[in-house]
Amino acid sequence: MTAPALRFEWDTCSRARWQQLLATAPLAGYRQDWPYGEAVAAQGHRVRRCLLTAGGRPLALAQFVERRFAAGPGLVVLTHGPVWLGERGAEAEAALFAEARRTFLRGLLLWTPADGRAADRRAGFRRVMTGQSTIHLDLRRPPARIEAGLHGKWRNMLRRARQAPLEVKRIRGGPLLAWLIAANETHRRRVGYRGPSPAFFHALAGASRASDSQFALIARRGSTPVAGALFQLHGRGATYLIGHTGEEGRRLRAQYLLLWRAIEMLRERGVALLDLGGVDTVGAPGVARFKLGLGGRVVTFAGTYLVPLPWRGRQPELQDQDASRRKERAA
């Protein structure tokens, strides 16, 4: 029996259908979510979305980000994609990357797979960055089981935070969100780690309002914000994007309370999995201990791979030299 022909639909899928399909995937990271693409496009990059089908049946989604430069080859990024809507197929994946080579006719493709399976053996793929780690927390369990799975110290800190004079407010924008984003940026610059810009976070908030796929929790003592946490919903999962705690918030263990309230709210929204947004035991050991205390599963990704793309801007004589070399190898 002949397998149905693969079809690549570029930039024809509506936002509503993309989000609907994403919600059927077993696991989909927020960088393949539509609002993420909108926020990236607002920063001046080009976003291309591909829907892979076979016989009319959707197989996978892939959101590419194309970064162009004034001179030299451009850069195409595929992070935590493609999102497979069923069983992952090696032949379909190979066909998708062949299609990407035909579509993006110049530059380099950086691919970060959504799982831990290495891609070194694929022809032309070379790992250029080791895989980062994160923590996945299963929210399908009852709250009592999740709380029972907390490390003892984490549970004690949560108990103290519940008794503290804190008010938790859920927001989607406004001055308190601006405060959280600005506080996060101040901390990022002071510590020196790389991360998205405030402009990106504001654009992501704007792109998420139509689908109500983002919220922040702010802990206040009186009228003063002392801690905040930002969460992004995508498909059947969610990601902890930003967490900031001031001196008073640390004394009151406010971030413990915010994470627990977020878990309760995400479960009410039907979210199955919370990605705690990366864990670095060397560069940020305190944050890592905080996240590990939730008792989730540590996941390490395969890394980032370099896939050379054809560069249409090459000089004709260089293209002729390449053609001659290919003929020599074939002979």
Foldseek 3Di string as FASTA:
>chain_A
DDWFDKDKDKPPDDLVRQQVLQLLFPDADCCQHPLLQQLLVVVVWDKMKIFIDGPPHTFWIWIKTWADDPDAWTEIETEQDGGGSDDDDPVVVVVVVVVVLVVRQTHKYKYFHNAADADVPPPQKDFDWAWFKWFKDFLPDPLVVLLVLFPPVLNVLLVLLVVDQKDKDKDLDDDVVVVQLVQQVVVCVVLVDDDDHSSSVVSSSVSCPVVVFKMKIFIDRPPHTFKMWIKGHGRLAIETRGIDGHPVCVVSSVVSNRVSVVSVVSVVVRRGMYIDHGADCPSCVPVNVNRVSSNTHMGITNHMIMHGHNRPPDDPVVVVVVVVVVVVVVD
